[in-house]
């Protein structure tokens, strides 16, 4: 398969995922909560932990 075909398949899958997530958020916005602060804290803690 050529490169353009692979890109098109990847883009179609990504757009389908975006459409699905946005539809869920539109239908039930009170049940969908995106907590960005805790995510950032967890990422910072993981980066700062010694290996």
Protein backbone atom coordinates (compact mmCIF):
# COMPACT_ATOMS: atom_id res chain seq x y z
CA UNK A 1 0.00 0.00 0.00
CA UNK A 2 1.31 3.44 -0.80
CA UNK A 3 1.99 6.19 1.76
CA UNK A 4 -1.11 8.18 0.79
CA UNK A 5 -3.32 5.16 1.44
CA UNK A 6 -1.84 4.61 4.91
CA UNK A 7 -2.29 8.28 5.78
CA UNK A 8 -5.90 8.23 4.62
CA UNK A 9 -6.71 5.15 6.72
CA UNK A 10 -5.03 6.68 9.80
CA UNK A 11 -6.84 9.98 9.30
CA UNK A 12 -10.20 8.24 8.86
CA UNK A 13 -9.71 6.30 12.11
CA UNK A 14 -8.67 9.44 13.97
CA UNK A 15 -11.67 11.40 12.68
CA UNK A 16 -14.02 8.55 13.63
CA UNK A 17 -12.61 8.62 17.18
CA UNK A 18 -13.02 12.41 17.39
CA UNK A 19 -16.60 12.15 16.14
CA UNK A 20 -17.43 9.42 18.65
CA UNK A 21 -15.97 11.32 21.61
CA UNK A 22 -17.63 14.58 20.64
CA UNK A 23 -20.99 12.85 20.20
CA UNK A 24 -20.75 11.33 23.67
CA UNK A 25 -19.81 14.72 25.13
CA UNK A 26 -22.74 16.44 23.39
CA UNK A 27 -25.27 13.79 24.48
CA UNK A 28 -24.21 13.51 28.14
CA UNK A 29 -22.08 16.56 29.06
CA UNK A 30 -22.88 16.38 32.79
CA UNK A 31 -21.42 12.87 33.01
CA UNK A 32 -18.22 13.67 31.11
CA UNK A 33 -15.55 15.39 33.17
CA UNK A 34 -12.05 16.17 31.97
CA UNK A 35 -9.77 16.77 34.95
CA UNK A 36 -6.68 18.44 33.54
CA UNK A 37 -5.08 19.53 36.81
CA UNK A 38 -4.67 16.06 38.26
CA UNK A 39 -3.36 14.77 34.95
CA UNK A 40 -0.68 17.47 34.85
CA UNK A 41 0.33 16.74 38.43
CA UNK A 42 0.63 13.02 37.70
CA UNK A 43 2.73 13.68 34.60
CA UNK A 44 5.03 16.04 36.51
CA UNK A 45 5.43 13.51 39.31
CA UNK A 46 6.25 10.74 36.84
CA UNK A 47 8.85 12.91 35.10
CA UNK A 48 10.49 14.00 38.38
CA UNK A 49 10.75 10.50 39.85
CA UNK A 50 14.30 9.12 39.71
CA UNK A 51 14.86 6.00 37.65
